[in-house]
Amino acid sequence: MHVDGSVSGNPETGMSGVGGTDPVAAWARVKRRLRAELGEDVFASWFARLELLEVSGATARLTVPTRFLKSWIESHYIDRVLNTFRSEVEEVSRIDVSVRGPAARPVAAASAPKPAMAPSPLARLQAAGSGMHAPGEADSEVSAPVRAEGGSGDLNGAPLDNRLTFASFVVGRSNALAHAAGERVARHDGQGALYNPLYLHAGVGLGKTHLLHAIGHAARDSGRRVIYLTADRFMYGFVNALKTQNALAFKERLRAIDLLILDDVQFIQGKSIQAEFGHTINALIDAGRQVVVASDRPPTELEALEERVRSRLAGGLVVEIGTLDEQLRTSILSARLAAVQVSHPSFEVSPTVATYVARAITANGRDLEGAVNRLLAHATLTGAAVTMETAEAAIRDLVKNREPKRIKIEDIQKLVASRYNVSRSDILSERRTAAVVKPRQIAMYLSKVLTLRSLPEIGRRFGGRDHTTVLHAVRKIDKLIGEDNVLNDEVELLKRMLQD
């Protein structure tokens, strides 16, 4: 700070500095702390695209790409952001969040190139279509937003991708039941609804979003009023209705449809929004309207939702879309190669190479899509034929970096509870008896070493405990397994059971 009270500038960024502190470096530390304190999922959803524009006097000006993010951060996290920022730059006493234009680039981001990052859950939710497009990619094949009929004003659903239909959905053993149920629901022309709600859950890239789009297309083609919403669009619509004092009209319009399709329900947050979600589901089901919901986990594991909402979701038909077996992967790969060959007739992949790719890539359908893109790039850029050697080189990163089995904290809790003859509710409770404390601490230890969750996030999953409690448990079990061979064998067995 200069003697006359003016603020020193940062010559590299053009950004004001305070008290000699580099605001860019301070903001980087703030984001690291938010990530550590809130956990990877929450950070990626709400803070990954929050950028520092400038620090001017006592005000830190931040920008986000959407109005929804601005509203959500201001409503739920502004105090946390301010307190974290003040711990780095004491002079900052106010946070101002604004929406940046599509061409705007925060100065902080321009100061140093950042490595490419995978899109956050919120970015994926806001991407048009099925999630097969990169953020910002032009999408001429996506249809116009579906509009609910009845009532005044707009309630726009997310766009439906014209490519994602039942005709292009490849059916195998792992998704046959989900496909059959979705097709029956979409083409049902009788009174009332079927399997209401239809709840689909699957991991990333296994086809649940494709199936939701297919249901939407088929139902709309039959003349039914359809809205397809991602979780962020539902939340934005409700928050915006509250701010404009149009909440009643929002509810009436949403409940005037024939079919509600809601994707990635696990991202719905906030008590008032969750309550409205529950009321909407109840109103539609009670009125005989069809509801289709998708998530990355079964309804019983949506612990952020109220019990009565989870119970309502579980009361319909719950179908899991399983992992892709080799036969299904081969079918998906063949369909994708055939589609590419329509626009690139000279692109050829031998059956031997196709079989190798289908066997090597086991994670999900999106990796198969990536493999086809890599093979096509090699063929078109080099003009050389696709051989086994070039295929191995092209997909090496997809095979090498394939994610191991995703282990959930809920699975750890259930397994440990079963092995030690206690209930999962005992582990989450405040009980302090030795019969409960030991398995609780083992479950916390396994959650730390087998998942990427932060200590605060693990604490929240164990009945809202503080992160220091989790740290104590991790250190204690780590020490004990080095001293007690029997306990070490028990923990190793639990690890193997969870990883198999």
Foldseek 3Di string as FASTA:
>chain_A
DDPVPAFDADVLLRATDDPPDDVLVLVVVLLVVCCQQVHPQVCLQQPPQWAWQHCGFQETEIEHADPLSVLVCVVPPQVVSQVSSCVSVVRHDYYHYYHDDPPDDRSSCVSDPDDDDDHHPNQQQPAAEQSLDDPPDDAPQWDDWAFFDDFDDTQTAGTYGNCLALVLDQDDPLCPVVLVVLVCQLQDDDFFGALAAEEEAAAPFLCPSSSLSRSQVSNVVVPFREHEHELSSLSSLCSVCVVVVNNVRSLVRLLRGQEYEYEANLPNADDVSLVSVQVSSVSNNVVRGYYYYYHNDQLVPSVRHDPVSSVSSVPGHYGYRYWDDLVSLLVLLVSLLVVVCVVVVVADDDPVLSSVLSVQQGQHNSLSVQLSVQSVCCCVVVVDHDDNVSSCVSSVCNNVVPDADAFDLVNLLCVLCVVLVHHSVLLLDPDDDPSNVLSNLLSLLCCVVRHSTHLQVSCVVSNRHHSVVSVVSNVVLVVVVVVDVVSVVVSVVSVVVRRD
